[in-house]
Amino acid sequence: MLRFGRNSRFLWIVLLTGVFAAIPAHAQQAPAPMPPQQQLPTPLGPQPNTSQQRMLRQMARERNLDRQKQIVADADKLLALARQLKSEVDKSNKDQLSLSVVDTAGQIEKLAKTVKERMRDGT
């Protein structure tokens, strides 16, 4: 029979934090080249302006760069919170856990969920 105590919960949080900290490092690698898009002729409507297409692509690149910067910043914050949680747990005794430890664990959980959603949704 497995026993789960407060240390196992802490270890899971640290493990998940490590995984989320490693994901942005992996995401910083060069993206795979995208296949060229084919333009279908549109006899009924006006042809899109190439300068508009260029501007839209540039805006999309900037949004992706901003999203990546936010993910990296959040991962750094996750790492700092995990270290803070570790030091707080080390300071507590075996029979008593402070409220700040629970609060820090909650912050880690919320931030990890935000990072995961931002990575998955691309927003």
PDB file of N, CA and C in Angstrom:
ATOM      1  N   MET A   1       0.848  -1.179   0.000  1.00  0.00           N
ATOM      2  CA  MET A   1       0.000   0.000   0.000  1.00  0.00           C
ATOM      3  C   MET A   1       0.893   1.242   0.000  1.00  0.00           C
ATOM      4  N   LEU A   2       0.593   2.183  -0.882  1.00  0.00           N
ATOM      5  CA  LEU A   2       1.388   3.392  -0.987  1.00  0.00           C
ATOM      6  C   LEU A   2       0.895   4.432   0.000  1.00  0.00           C
ATOM      7  N   ARG A   3       1.816   5.149   0.602  1.00  0.00           N
ATOM      8  CA  ARG A   3       1.452   6.225   1.518  1.00  0.00           C
ATOM      9  C   ARG A   3       1.883   7.546   0.895  1.00  0.00           C
ATOM     10  N   PHE A   4       0.990   8.480   0.879  1.00  0.00           N
ATOM     11  CA  PHE A   4       1.299   9.786   0.342  1.00  0.00           C
ATOM     12  C   PHE A   4       1.254  10.796   1.468  1.00  0.00           C
ATOM     13  N   GLY A   5       2.334  11.475   1.673  1.00  0.00           N
ATOM     14  CA  GLY A   5       2.413  12.504   2.694  1.00  0.00           C
ATOM     15  C   GLY A   5       2.628  13.848   2.052  1.00  0.00           C
ATOM     16  N   ARG A   6       2.959  14.821   2.857  1.00  0.00           N
ATOM     17  CA  ARG A   6       3.145  16.161   2.329  1.00  0.00           C
ATOM     18  C   ARG A   6       4.384  16.240   1.456  1.00  0.00           C
ATOM     19  N   ASN A   7       5.383  15.406   1.713  1.00  0.00           N
ATOM     20  CA  ASN A   7       6.593  15.427   0.895  1.00  0.00           C
ATOM     21  C   ASN A   7       6.315  14.943  -0.522  1.00  0.00           C
ATOM     22  N   SER A   8       5.434  13.948  -0.680  1.00  0.00           N
ATOM     23  CA  SER A   8       5.137  13.467  -2.029  1.00  0.00           C
ATOM     24  C   SER A   8       4.399  14.537  -2.830  1.00  0.00           C
ATOM     25  N   ARG A   9       3.548  15.302  -2.193  1.00  0.00           N
ATOM     26  CA  ARG A   9       2.847  16.381  -2.891  1.00  0.00           C
ATOM     27  C   ARG A   9       3.843  17.446  -3.328  1.00  0.00           C
ATOM     28  N   PHE A  10       4.761  17.771  -2.438  1.00  0.00           N
ATOM     29  CA  PHE A  10       5.794  18.736  -2.772  1.00  0.00           C
ATOM     30  C   PHE A  10       6.634  18.239  -3.937  1.00  0.00           C
ATOM     31  N   LEU A  11       6.973  16.964  -3.929  1.00  0.00           N
ATOM     32  CA  LEU A  11       7.783  16.403  -5.004  1.00  0.00           C
ATOM     33  C   LEU A  11       7.042  16.467  -6.337  1.00  0.00           C
ATOM     34  N   TRP A  12       5.744  16.222  -6.331  1.00  0.00           N
ATOM     35  CA  TRP A  12       4.958  16.323  -7.566  1.00  0.00           C
ATOM     36  C   TRP A  12       4.963  17.752  -8.089  1.00  0.00           C
ATOM     37  N   ILE A  13       4.812  18.716  -7.175  1.00  0.00           N
ATOM     38  CA  ILE A  13       4.807  20.121  -7.588  1.00  0.00           C
ATOM     39  C   ILE A  13       6.154  20.498  -8.176  1.00  0.00           C
ATOM     40  N   VAL A  14       7.222  20.084  -7.529  1.00  0.00           N
ATOM     41  CA  VAL A  14       8.560  20.387  -8.036  1.00  0.00           C
ATOM     42  C   VAL A  14       8.782  19.701  -9.382  1.00  0.00           C
ATOM     43  N   LEU A  15       8.330  18.461  -9.511  1.00  0.00           N
ATOM     44  CA  LEU A  15       8.480  17.733 -10.767  1.00  0.00           C
ATOM     45  C   LEU A  15       7.744  18.438 -11.902  1.00  0.00           C
ATOM     46  N   LEU A  16       6.500  18.826 -11.649  1.00  0.00           N
ATOM     47  CA  LEU A  16       5.718  19.515 -12.674  1.00  0.00           C
ATOM     48  C   LEU A  16       6.339  20.864 -13.018  1.00  0.00           C
ATOM     49  N   THR A  17       6.863  21.561 -12.022  1.00  0.00           N
ATOM     50  CA  THR A  17       7.513  22.835 -12.267  1.00  0.00           C
ATOM     51  C   THR A  17       8.730  22.635 -13.154  1.00  0.00           C
ATOM     52  N   GLY A  18       9.486  21.582 -12.896  1.00  0.00           N
ATOM     53  CA  GLY A  18      10.654  21.286 -13.727  1.00  0.00           C
ATOM     54  C   GLY A  18      10.256  20.991 -15.164  1.00  0.00           C
ATOM     55  N   VAL A  19       9.157  20.282 -15.330  1.00  0.00           N
ATOM     56  CA  VAL A  19       8.685  19.963 -16.680  1.00  0.00           C
ATOM     57  C   VAL A  19       8.283  21.242 -17.398  1.00  0.00           C
ATOM     58  N   PHE A  20       7.551  22.124 -16.707  1.00  0.00           N
ATOM     59  CA  PHE A  20       7.124  23.360 -17.347  1.00  0.00           C
ATOM     60  C   PHE A  20       8.300  24.289 -17.592  1.00  0.00           C
ATOM     61  N   ALA A  21       9.329  24.215 -16.772  1.00  0.00           N
ATOM     62  CA  ALA A  21      10.512  25.046 -17.000  1.00  0.00           C
ATOM     63  C   ALA A  21      11.297  24.542 -18.204  1.00  0.00           C
ATOM     64  N   ALA A  22      11.245  23.248 -18.475  1.00  0.00           N
ATOM     65  CA  ALA A  22      11.995  22.682 -19.596  1.00  0.00           C
ATOM     66  C   ALA A  22      11.270  22.886 -20.921  1.00  0.00           C
ATOM     67  N   ILE A  23       9.970  23.026 -20.911  1.00  0.00           N
ATOM     68  CA  ILE A  23       9.200  23.157 -22.152  1.00  0.00           C
ATOM     69  C   ILE A  23       9.576  24.425 -22.914  1.00  0.00           C
ATOM     70  N   PRO A  24       9.668  25.615 -22.264  1.00  0.00           N
ATOM     71  CA  PRO A  24      10.045  26.799 -23.042  1.00  0.00           C
ATOM     72  C   PRO A  24      11.439  26.676 -23.651  1.00  0.00           C
ATOM     73  N   ALA A  25      12.357  26.005 -22.968  1.00  0.00           N
ATOM     74  CA  ALA A  25      13.688  25.826 -23.538  1.00  0.00           C
ATOM     75  C   ALA A  25      13.596  24.997 -24.809  1.00  0.00           C
ATOM     76  N   HIS A  26      12.734  24.006 -24.819  1.00  0.00           N
ATOM     77  CA  HIS A  26      12.534  23.185 -26.015  1.00  0.00           C
ATOM     78  C   HIS A  26      11.831  23.996 -27.096  1.00  0.00           C
ATOM     79  N   ALA A  27      10.901  24.865 -26.696  1.00  0.00           N
ATOM     80  CA  ALA A  27      10.130  25.646 -27.655  1.00  0.00           C
ATOM     81  C   ALA A  27      10.967  26.727 -28.326  1.00  0.00           C
ATOM     82  N   GLN A  28      12.141  27.070 -27.771  1.00  0.00           N
ATOM     83  CA  GLN A  28      12.959  28.110 -28.352  1.00  0.00           C
ATOM     84  C   GLN A  28      13.740  27.625 -29.562  1.00  0.00           C
ATOM     85  N   GLN A  29      13.694  26.351 -29.845  1.00  0.00           N
ATOM     86  CA  GLN A  29      14.387  25.839 -31.007  1.00  0.00           C
ATOM     87  C   GLN A  29      13.708  26.369 -32.266  1.00  0.00           C
ATOM     88  N   ALA A  30      14.447  26.370 -33.356  1.00  0.00           N
ATOM     89  CA  ALA A  30      13.925  26.906 -34.603  1.00  0.00           C
ATOM     90  C   ALA A  30      12.692  26.113 -35.051  1.00  0.00           C
ATOM     91  N   PRO A  31      11.633  26.811 -35.441  1.00  0.00           N
ATOM     92  CA  PRO A  31      10.415  26.104 -35.864  1.00  0.00           C
ATOM     93  C   PRO A  31      10.641  25.410 -37.202  1.00  0.00           C
ATOM     94  N   ALA A  32       9.876  24.369 -37.410  1.00  0.00           N
ATOM     95  CA  ALA A  32       9.959  23.633 -38.674  1.00  0.00           C
ATOM     96  C   ALA A  32       9.428  24.524 -39.793  1.00  0.00           C
ATOM     97  N   PRO A  33      10.038  24.462 -40.975  1.00  0.00           N
ATOM     98  CA  PRO A  33       9.560  25.305 -42.074  1.00  0.00           C
ATOM     99  C   PRO A  33       8.146  24.912 -42.477  1.00  0.00           C
ATOM    100  N   MET A  34       7.345  25.933 -42.724  1.00  0.00           N
ATOM    101  CA  MET A  34       5.960  25.697 -43.104  1.00  0.00           C
ATOM    102  C   MET A  34       5.874  25.542 -44.617  1.00  0.00           C
ATOM    103  N   PRO A  35       5.006  24.672 -45.096  1.00  0.00           N
ATOM    104  CA  PRO A  35       4.859  24.520 -46.548  1.00  0.00           C
ATOM    105  C   PRO A  35       4.248  25.788 -47.135  1.00  0.00           C
ATOM    106  N   PRO A  36       4.610  26.138 -48.365  1.00  0.00           N
ATOM    107  CA  PRO A  36       4.053  27.351 -48.962  1.00  0.00           C
ATOM    108  C   PRO A  36       2.551  27.202 -49.169  1.00  0.00           C
ATOM    109  N   GLN A  37       1.860  28.291 -48.923  1.00  0.00           N
ATOM    110  CA  GLN A  37       0.412  28.274 -49.088  1.00  0.00           C
ATOM    111  C   GLN A  37       0.077  28.546 -50.553  1.00  0.00           C
ATOM    112  N   GLN A  38      -0.894  27.823 -51.027  1.00  0.00           N
ATOM    113  CA  GLN A  38      -1.327  28.021 -52.407  1.00  0.00           C
ATOM    114  C   GLN A  38      -2.459  29.025 -52.420  1.00  0.00           C
ATOM    115  N   GLN A  39      -2.383  29.958 -53.344  1.00  0.00           N
ATOM    116  CA  GLN A  39      -3.451  30.928 -53.480  1.00  0.00           C
ATOM    117  C   GLN A  39      -4.396  30.465 -54.574  1.00  0.00           C
ATOM    118  N   LEU A  40      -5.637  30.390 -54.217  1.00  0.00           N
ATOM    119  CA  LEU A  40      -6.653  30.020 -55.197  1.00  0.00           C
ATOM    120  C   LEU A  40      -7.168  31.286 -55.865  1.00  0.00           C
ATOM    121  N   PRO A  41      -7.398  31.238 -57.132  1.00  0.00           N
ATOM    122  CA  PRO A  41      -7.916  32.435 -57.805  1.00  0.00           C
ATOM    123  C   PRO A  41      -9.316  32.768 -57.288  1.00  0.00           C
ATOM    124  N   THR A  42      -9.554  34.025 -57.104  1.00  0.00           N
ATOM    125  CA  THR A  42     -10.869  34.483 -56.658  1.00  0.00           C
ATOM    126  C   THR A  42     -11.446  35.411 -57.722  1.00  0.00           C
ATOM    127  N   PRO A  43     -12.177  34.831 -58.670  1.00  0.00           N
ATOM    128  CA  PRO A  43     -12.674  35.655 -59.775  1.00  0.00           C
ATOM    129  C   PRO A  43     -13.747  36.645 -59.336  1.00  0.00           C
ATOM    130  N   LEU A  44     -14.442  36.377 -58.224  1.00  0.00           N
ATOM    131  CA  LEU A  44     -15.545  37.256 -57.831  1.00  0.00           C
ATOM    132  C   LEU A  44     -15.099  38.402 -56.939  1.00  0.00           C
ATOM    133  N   GLY A  45     -14.002  38.231 -56.218  1.00  0.00           N
ATOM    134  CA  GLY A  45     -13.583  39.259 -55.277  1.00  0.00           C
ATOM    135  C   GLY A  45     -12.247  39.863 -55.658  1.00  0.00           C
ATOM    136  N   PRO A  46     -11.891  40.962 -54.990  1.00  0.00           N
ATOM    137  CA  PRO A  46     -10.607  41.597 -55.289  1.00  0.00           C
ATOM    138  C   PRO A  46      -9.449  40.745 -54.761  1.00  0.00           C
ATOM    139  N   GLN A  47      -8.325  40.808 -55.436  1.00  0.00           N
ATOM    140  CA  GLN A  47      -7.132  40.087 -55.002  1.00  0.00           C
ATOM    141  C   GLN A  47      -6.543  40.789 -53.774  1.00  0.00           C
ATOM    142  N   PRO A  48      -6.073  40.008 -52.780  1.00  0.00           N
ATOM    143  CA  PRO A  48      -5.483  40.640 -51.603  1.00  0.00           C
ATOM    144  C   PRO A  48      -4.175  41.350 -51.970  1.00  0.00           C
ATOM    145  N   ASN A  49      -3.949  42.453 -51.306  1.00  0.00           N
ATOM    146  CA  ASN A  49      -2.763  43.259 -51.537  1.00  0.00           C
ATOM    147  C   ASN A  49      -1.558  42.566 -50.897  1.00  0.00           C
ATOM    148  N   THR A  50      -0.449  42.479 -51.608  1.00  0.00           N
ATOM    149  CA  THR A  50       0.724  41.794 -51.055  1.00  0.00           C
ATOM    150  C   THR A  50       1.295  42.545 -49.864  1.00  0.00           C
ATOM    151  N   SER A  51       1.194  43.855 -49.829  1.00  0.00           N
ATOM    152  CA  SER A  51       1.687  44.601 -48.663  1.00  0.00           C
ATOM    153  C   SER A  51       0.816  44.310 -47.442  1.00  0.00           C
ATOM    154  N   GLN A  52      -0.468  44.107 -47.656  1.00  0.00           N
ATOM    155  CA  GLN A  52      -1.346  43.737 -46.539  1.00  0.00           C
ATOM    156  C   GLN A  52      -0.988  42.345 -46.022  1.00  0.00           C
ATOM    157  N   GLN A  53      -0.707  41.428 -46.947  1.00  0.00           N
ATOM    158  CA  GLN A  53      -0.315  40.083 -46.523  1.00  0.00           C
ATOM    159  C   GLN A  53       0.974  40.123 -45.729  1.00  0.00           C
ATOM    160  N   ARG A  54       1.935  40.909 -46.206  1.00  0.00           N
ATOM    161  CA  ARG A  54       3.198  41.046 -45.508  1.00  0.00           C
ATOM    162  C   ARG A  54       2.995  41.620 -44.109  1.00  0.00           C
ATOM    163  N   MET A  55       2.138  42.627 -44.010  1.00  0.00           N
ATOM    164  CA  MET A  55       1.866  43.255 -42.724  1.00  0.00           C
ATOM    165  C   MET A  55       1.181  42.262 -41.770  1.00  0.00           C
ATOM    166  N   LEU A  56       0.254  41.474 -42.278  1.00  0.00           N
ATOM    167  CA  LEU A  56      -0.428  40.481 -41.441  1.00  0.00           C
ATOM    168  C   LEU A  56       0.539  39.407 -40.952  1.00  0.00           C
ATOM    169  N   ARG A  57       1.447  38.970 -41.832  1.00  0.00           N
ATOM    170  CA  ARG A  57       2.443  37.979 -41.415  1.00  0.00           C
ATOM    171  C   ARG A  57       3.374  38.553 -40.354  1.00  0.00           C
ATOM    172  N   GLN A  58       3.774  39.817 -40.531  1.00  0.00           N
ATOM    173  CA  GLN A  58       4.649  40.467 -39.557  1.00  0.00           C
ATOM    174  C   GLN A  58       3.948  40.590 -38.204  1.00  0.00           C
ATOM    175  N   MET A  59       2.670  40.950 -38.218  1.00  0.00           N
ATOM    176  CA  MET A  59       1.910  41.068 -36.971  1.00  0.00           C
ATOM    177  C   MET A  59       1.788  39.707 -36.285  1.00  0.00           C
ATOM    178  N   ALA A  60       1.580  38.652 -37.059  1.00  0.00           N
ATOM    179  CA  ALA A  60       1.487  37.307 -36.484  1.00  0.00           C
ATOM    180  C   ALA A  60       2.817  36.907 -35.856  1.00  0.00           C
ATOM    181  N   ARG A  61       3.936  37.228 -36.539  1.00  0.00           N
ATOM    182  CA  ARG A  61       5.258  36.925 -35.970  1.00  0.00           C
ATOM    183  C   ARG A  61       5.472  37.663 -34.659  1.00  0.00           C
ATOM    184  N   GLU A  62       5.081  38.920 -34.615  1.00  0.00           N
ATOM    185  CA  GLU A  62       5.243  39.715 -33.389  1.00  0.00           C
ATOM    186  C   GLU A  62       4.399  39.159 -32.254  1.00  0.00           C
ATOM    187  N   ARG A  63       3.173  38.731 -32.556  1.00  0.00           N
ATOM    188  CA  ARG A  63       2.330  38.121 -31.515  1.00  0.00           C
ATOM    189  C   ARG A  63       2.964  36.845 -30.977  1.00  0.00           C
ATOM    190  N   ASN A  64       3.530  36.030 -31.880  1.00  0.00           N
ATOM    191  CA  ASN A  64       4.178  34.795 -31.440  1.00  0.00           C
ATOM    192  C   ASN A  64       5.404  35.082 -30.589  1.00  0.00           C
ATOM    193  N   LEU A  65       6.185  36.099 -30.968  1.00  0.00           N
ATOM    194  CA  LEU A  65       7.351  36.467 -30.161  1.00  0.00           C
ATOM    195  C   LEU A  65       6.938  36.963 -28.781  1.00  0.00           C
ATOM    196  N   ASP A  66       5.891  37.780 -28.729  1.00  0.00           N
ATOM    197  CA  ASP A  66       5.397  38.266 -27.436  1.00  0.00           C
ATOM    198  C   ASP A  66       4.893  37.113 -26.570  1.00  0.00           C
ATOM    199  N   ARG A  67       4.188  36.163 -27.201  1.00  0.00           N
ATOM    200  CA  ARG A  67       3.686  34.998 -26.463  1.00  0.00           C
ATOM    201  C   ARG A  67       4.845  34.179 -25.920  1.00  0.00           C
ATOM    202  N   GLN A  68       5.880  33.989 -26.734  1.00  0.00           N
ATOM    203  CA  GLN A  68       7.047  33.224 -26.298  1.00  0.00           C
ATOM    204  C   GLN A  68       7.755  33.922 -25.138  1.00  0.00           C
ATOM    205  N   LYS A  69       7.889  35.248 -25.219  1.00  0.00           N
ATOM    206  CA  LYS A  69       8.523  35.990 -24.127  1.00  0.00           C
ATOM    207  C   LYS A  69       7.715  35.848 -22.841  1.00  0.00           C
ATOM    208  N   GLN A  70       6.396  35.883 -22.936  1.00  0.00           N
ATOM    209  CA  GLN A  70       5.552  35.747 -21.753  1.00  0.00           C
ATOM    210  C   GLN A  70       5.676  34.347 -21.166  1.00  0.00           C
ATOM    211  N   ILE A  71       5.754  33.329 -22.009  1.00  0.00           N
ATOM    212  CA  ILE A  71       5.907  31.957 -21.523  1.00  0.00           C
ATOM    213  C   ILE A  71       7.235  31.807 -20.789  1.00  0.00           C
ATOM    214  N   VAL A  72       8.302  32.371 -21.337  1.00  0.00           N
ATOM    215  CA  VAL A  72       9.616  32.290 -20.688  1.00  0.00           C
ATOM    216  C   VAL A  72       9.588  33.022 -19.350  1.00  0.00           C
ATOM    217  N   ALA A  73       8.977  34.199 -19.312  1.00  0.00           N
ATOM    218  CA  ALA A  73       8.889  34.947 -18.059  1.00  0.00           C
ATOM    219  C   ALA A  73       8.082  34.169 -17.015  1.00  0.00           C
ATOM    220  N   ASP A  74       6.977  33.572 -17.432  1.00  0.00           N
ATOM    221  CA  ASP A  74       6.163  32.784 -16.502  1.00  0.00           C
ATOM    222  C   ASP A  74       6.916  31.545 -16.015  1.00  0.00           C
ATOM    223  N   ALA A  75       7.688  30.916 -16.892  1.00  0.00           N
ATOM    224  CA  ALA A  75       8.472  29.746 -16.482  1.00  0.00           C
ATOM    225  C   ALA A  75       9.543  30.145 -15.469  1.00  0.00           C
ATOM    226  N   ASP A  76      10.154  31.308 -15.670  1.00  0.00           N
ATOM    227  CA  ASP A  76      11.128  31.799 -14.688  1.00  0.00           C
ATOM    228  C   ASP A  76      10.462  32.068 -13.340  1.00  0.00           C
ATOM    229  N   LYS A  77       9.259  32.626 -13.395  1.00  0.00           N
ATOM    230  CA  LYS A  77       8.523  32.890 -12.159  1.00  0.00           C
ATOM    231  C   LYS A  77       8.140  31.574 -11.474  1.00  0.00           C
ATOM    232  N   LEU A  78       7.766  30.566 -12.271  1.00  0.00           N
ATOM    233  CA  LEU A  78       7.464  29.246 -11.708  1.00  0.00           C
ATOM    234  C   LEU A  78       8.671  28.671 -10.980  1.00  0.00           C
ATOM    235  N   LEU A  79       9.820  28.802 -11.579  1.00  0.00           N
ATOM    236  CA  LEU A  79      11.043  28.292 -10.969  1.00  0.00           C
ATOM    237  C   LEU A  79      11.331  29.010  -9.653  1.00  0.00           C
ATOM    238  N   ALA A  80      11.169  30.322  -9.639  1.00  0.00           N
ATOM    239  CA  ALA A  80      11.398  31.089  -8.416  1.00  0.00           C
ATOM    240  C   ALA A  80      10.407  30.682  -7.322  1.00  0.00           C
ATOM    241  N   LEU A  81       9.138  30.497  -7.700  1.00  0.00           N
ATOM    242  CA  LEU A  81       8.133  30.078  -6.717  1.00  0.00           C
ATOM    243  C   LEU A  81       8.429  28.675  -6.184  1.00  0.00           C
ATOM    244  N   ALA A  82       8.897  27.785  -7.046  1.00  0.00           N
ATOM    245  CA  ALA A  82       9.227  26.435  -6.595  1.00  0.00           C
ATOM    246  C   ALA A  82      10.386  26.464  -5.607  1.00  0.00           C
ATOM    247  N   ARG A  83      11.373  27.295  -5.879  1.00  0.00           N
ATOM    248  CA  ARG A  83      12.491  27.428  -4.930  1.00  0.00           C
ATOM    249  C   ARG A  83      12.023  28.014  -3.606  1.00  0.00           C
ATOM    250  N   GLN A  84      11.137  28.998  -3.688  1.00  0.00           N
ATOM    251  CA  GLN A  84      10.584  29.606  -2.468  1.00  0.00           C
ATOM    252  C   GLN A  84       9.804  28.562  -1.677  1.00  0.00           C
ATOM    253  N   LEU A  85       9.000  27.762  -2.361  1.00  0.00           N
ATOM    254  CA  LEU A  85       8.228  26.717  -1.700  1.00  0.00           C
ATOM    255  C   LEU A  85       9.147  25.708  -1.029  1.00  0.00           C
ATOM    256  N   LYS A  86      10.207  25.333  -1.697  1.00  0.00           N
ATOM    257  CA  LYS A  86      11.158  24.382  -1.135  1.00  0.00           C
ATOM    258  C   LYS A  86      11.771  24.924   0.141  1.00  0.00           C
ATOM    259  N   SER A  87      12.190  26.189   0.135  1.00  0.00           N
ATOM    260  CA  SER A  87      12.801  26.757   1.339  1.00  0.00           C
ATOM    261  C   SER A  87      11.786  26.861   2.477  1.00  0.00           C
ATOM    262  N   GLU A  88      10.535  27.189   2.159  1.00  0.00           N
ATOM    263  CA  GLU A  88       9.502  27.277   3.201  1.00  0.00           C
ATOM    264  C   GLU A  88       9.199  25.904   3.794  1.00  0.00           C
ATOM    265  N   VAL A  89       9.156  24.883   2.949  1.00  0.00           N
ATOM    266  CA  VAL A  89       8.897  23.527   3.445  1.00  0.00           C
ATOM    267  C   VAL A  89      10.066  23.052   4.304  1.00  0.00           C
ATOM    268  N   ASP A  90      11.283  23.389   3.891  1.00  0.00           N
ATOM    269  CA  ASP A  90      12.445  23.000   4.678  1.00  0.00           C
ATOM    270  C   ASP A  90      12.441  23.657   6.055  1.00  0.00           C
ATOM    271  N   LYS A  91      11.911  24.868   6.165  1.00  0.00           N
ATOM    272  CA  LYS A  91      11.871  25.589   7.439  1.00  0.00           C
ATOM    273  C   LYS A  91      10.767  25.078   8.358  1.00  0.00           C
ATOM    274  N   SER A  92       9.717  24.489   7.807  1.00  0.00           N
ATOM    275  CA  SER A  92       8.592  24.036   8.635  1.00  0.00           C
ATOM    276  C   SER A  92       8.954  22.736   9.343  1.00  0.00           C
ATOM    277  N   ASN A  93       8.263  22.485  10.440  1.00  0.00           N
ATOM    278  CA  ASN A  93       8.524  21.229  11.150  1.00  0.00           C
ATOM    279  C   ASN A  93       7.576  20.152  10.641  1.00  0.00           C
ATOM    280  N   LYS A  94       7.758  18.932  11.097  1.00  0.00           N
ATOM    281  CA  LYS A  94       7.012  17.809  10.521  1.00  0.00           C
ATOM    282  C   LYS A  94       5.531  17.806  10.875  1.00  0.00           C
ATOM    283  N   ASP A  95       5.137  18.487  11.943  1.00  0.00           N
ATOM    284  CA  ASP A  95       3.737  18.464  12.365  1.00  0.00           C
ATOM    285  C   ASP A  95       2.946  19.696  11.968  1.00  0.00           C
ATOM    286  N   GLN A  96       3.623  20.707  11.464  1.00  0.00           N
ATOM    287  CA  GLN A  96       2.924  21.951  11.175  1.00  0.00           C
ATOM    288  C   GLN A  96       3.396  22.515   9.839  1.00  0.00           C
ATOM    289  N   LEU A  97       2.435  22.889   9.019  1.00  0.00           N
ATOM    290  CA  LEU A  97       2.722  23.478   7.717  1.00  0.00           C
ATOM    291  C   LEU A  97       2.125  24.883   7.715  1.00  0.00           C
ATOM    292  N   SER A  98       2.919  25.886   7.371  1.00  0.00           N
ATOM    293  CA  SER A  98       2.450  27.261   7.444  1.00  0.00           C
ATOM    294  C   SER A  98       1.483  27.576   6.306  1.00  0.00           C
ATOM    295  N   LEU A  99       0.720  28.615   6.508  1.00  0.00           N
ATOM    296  CA  LEU A  99      -0.246  29.052   5.502  1.00  0.00           C
ATOM    297  C   LEU A  99       0.456  29.575   4.257  1.00  0.00           C
ATOM    298  N   SER A 100       1.635  30.143   4.430  1.00  0.00           N
ATOM    299  CA  SER A 100       2.358  30.670   3.267  1.00  0.00           C
ATOM    300  C   SER A 100       2.787  29.546   2.319  1.00  0.00           C
ATOM    301  N   VAL A 101       3.059  28.345   2.859  1.00  0.00           N
ATOM    302  CA  VAL A 101       3.416  27.204   2.018  1.00  0.00           C
ATOM    303  C   VAL A 101       2.229  26.819   1.141  1.00  0.00           C
ATOM    304  N   VAL A 102       1.064  26.778   1.720  1.00  0.00           N
ATOM    305  CA  VAL A 102      -0.139  26.432   0.962  1.00  0.00           C
ATOM    306  C   VAL A 102      -0.435  27.508  -0.076  1.00  0.00           C
ATOM    307  N   ASP A 103      -0.248  28.770   0.302  1.00  0.00           N
ATOM    308  CA  ASP A 103      -0.483  29.873  -0.624  1.00  0.00           C
ATOM    309  C   ASP A 103       0.499  29.827  -1.794  1.00  0.00           C
ATOM    310  N   THR A 104       1.761  29.555  -1.513  1.00  0.00           N
ATOM    311  CA  THR A 104       2.763  29.468  -2.575  1.00  0.00           C
ATOM    312  C   THR A 104       2.453  28.304  -3.517  1.00  0.00           C
ATOM    313  N   ALA A 105       2.027  27.180  -2.963  1.00  0.00           N
ATOM    314  CA  ALA A 105       1.667  26.033  -3.802  1.00  0.00           C
ATOM    315  C   ALA A 105       0.480  26.383  -4.701  1.00  0.00           C
ATOM    316  N   GLY A 106      -0.466  27.143  -4.188  1.00  0.00           N
ATOM    317  CA  GLY A 106      -1.606  27.588  -4.992  1.00  0.00           C
ATOM    318  C   GLY A 106      -1.185  28.515  -6.120  1.00  0.00           C
ATOM    319  N   GLN A 107      -0.237  29.408  -5.842  1.00  0.00           N
ATOM    320  CA  GLN A 107       0.270  30.297  -6.883  1.00  0.00           C
ATOM    321  C   GLN A 107       0.966  29.506  -7.983  1.00  0.00           C
ATOM    322  N   ILE A 108       1.735  28.500  -7.572  1.00  0.00           N
ATOM    323  CA  ILE A 108       2.427  27.654  -8.551  1.00  0.00           C
ATOM    324  C   ILE A 108       1.413  26.939  -9.423  1.00  0.00           C
ATOM    325  N   GLU A 109       0.374  26.419  -8.799  1.00  0.00           N
ATOM    326  CA  GLU A 109      -0.644  25.687  -9.548  1.00  0.00           C
ATOM    327  C   GLU A 109      -1.332  26.587 -10.575  1.00  0.00           C
ATOM    328  N   LYS A 110      -1.709  27.796 -10.172  1.00  0.00           N
ATOM    329  CA  LYS A 110      -2.383  28.719 -11.091  1.00  0.00           C
ATOM    330  C   LYS A 110      -1.469  29.129 -12.240  1.00  0.00           C
ATOM    331  N   LEU A 111      -0.221  29.446 -11.912  1.00  0.00           N
ATOM    332  CA  LEU A 111       0.711  29.882 -12.943  1.00  0.00           C
ATOM    333  C   LEU A 111       1.033  28.746 -13.908  1.00  0.00           C
ATOM    334  N   ALA A 112       1.181  27.536 -13.396  1.00  0.00           N
ATOM    335  CA  ALA A 112       1.454  26.384 -14.269  1.00  0.00           C
ATOM    336  C   ALA A 112       0.282  26.139 -15.218  1.00  0.00           C
ATOM    337  N   LYS A 113      -0.931  26.307 -14.717  1.00  0.00           N
ATOM    338  CA  LYS A 113      -2.107  26.130 -15.575  1.00  0.00           C
ATOM    339  C   LYS A 113      -2.155  27.202 -16.662  1.00  0.00           C
ATOM    340  N   THR A 114      -1.813  28.432 -16.304  1.00  0.00           N
ATOM    341  CA  THR A 114      -1.794  29.517 -17.273  1.00  0.00           C
ATOM    342  C   THR A 114      -0.759  29.256 -18.365  1.00  0.00           C
ATOM    343  N   VAL A 115       0.440  28.811 -17.964  1.00  0.00           N
ATOM    344  CA  VAL A 115       1.497  28.522 -18.934  1.00  0.00           C
ATOM    345  C   VAL A 115       1.060  27.390 -19.860  1.00  0.00           C
ATOM    346  N   LYS A 116       0.458  26.362 -19.287  1.00  0.00           N
ATOM    347  CA  LYS A 116       0.013  25.232 -20.096  1.00  0.00           C
ATOM    348  C   LYS A 116      -1.029  25.671 -21.127  1.00  0.00           C
ATOM    349  N   GLU A 117      -1.994  26.473 -20.699  1.00  0.00           N
ATOM    350  CA  GLU A 117      -3.027  26.949 -21.629  1.00  0.00           C
ATOM    351  C   GLU A 117      -2.440  27.840 -22.699  1.00  0.00           C
ATOM    352  N   ARG A 118      -1.500  28.710 -22.317  1.00  0.00           N
ATOM    353  CA  ARG A 118      -0.884  29.607 -23.286  1.00  0.00           C
ATOM    354  C   ARG A 118      -0.101  28.824 -24.323  1.00  0.00           C
ATOM    355  N   MET A 119       0.557  27.766 -23.908  1.00  0.00           N
ATOM    356  CA  MET A 119       1.313  26.935 -24.853  1.00  0.00           C
ATOM    357  C   MET A 119       0.375  26.159 -25.771  1.00  0.00           C
ATOM    358  N   ARG A 120      -0.675  25.616 -25.192  1.00  0.00           N
ATOM    359  CA  ARG A 120      -1.589  24.785 -25.972  1.00  0.00           C
ATOM    360  C   ARG A 120      -2.408  25.623 -26.946  1.00  0.00           C
ATOM    361  N   ASP A 121      -2.932  26.748 -26.493  1.00  0.00           N
ATOM    362  CA  ASP A 121      -3.830  27.553 -27.322  1.00  0.00           C
ATOM    363  C   ASP A 121      -3.105  28.510 -28.243  1.00  0.00           C
ATOM    364  N   GLY A 122      -1.892  28.838 -27.916  1.00  0.00           N
ATOM    365  CA  GLY A 122      -1.149  29.786 -28.754  1.00  0.00           C
ATOM    366  C   GLY A 122      -1.658  31.198 -28.632  1.00  0.00           C
ATOM    367  N   THR A 123      -2.215  31.547 -27.441  1.00  0.00           N
ATOM    368  CA  THR A 123      -2.707  32.906 -27.249  1.00  0.00           C
ATOM    369  C   THR A 123      -1.852  33.650 -26.277  1.00  0.00           C
TER     370      THR A 123
END
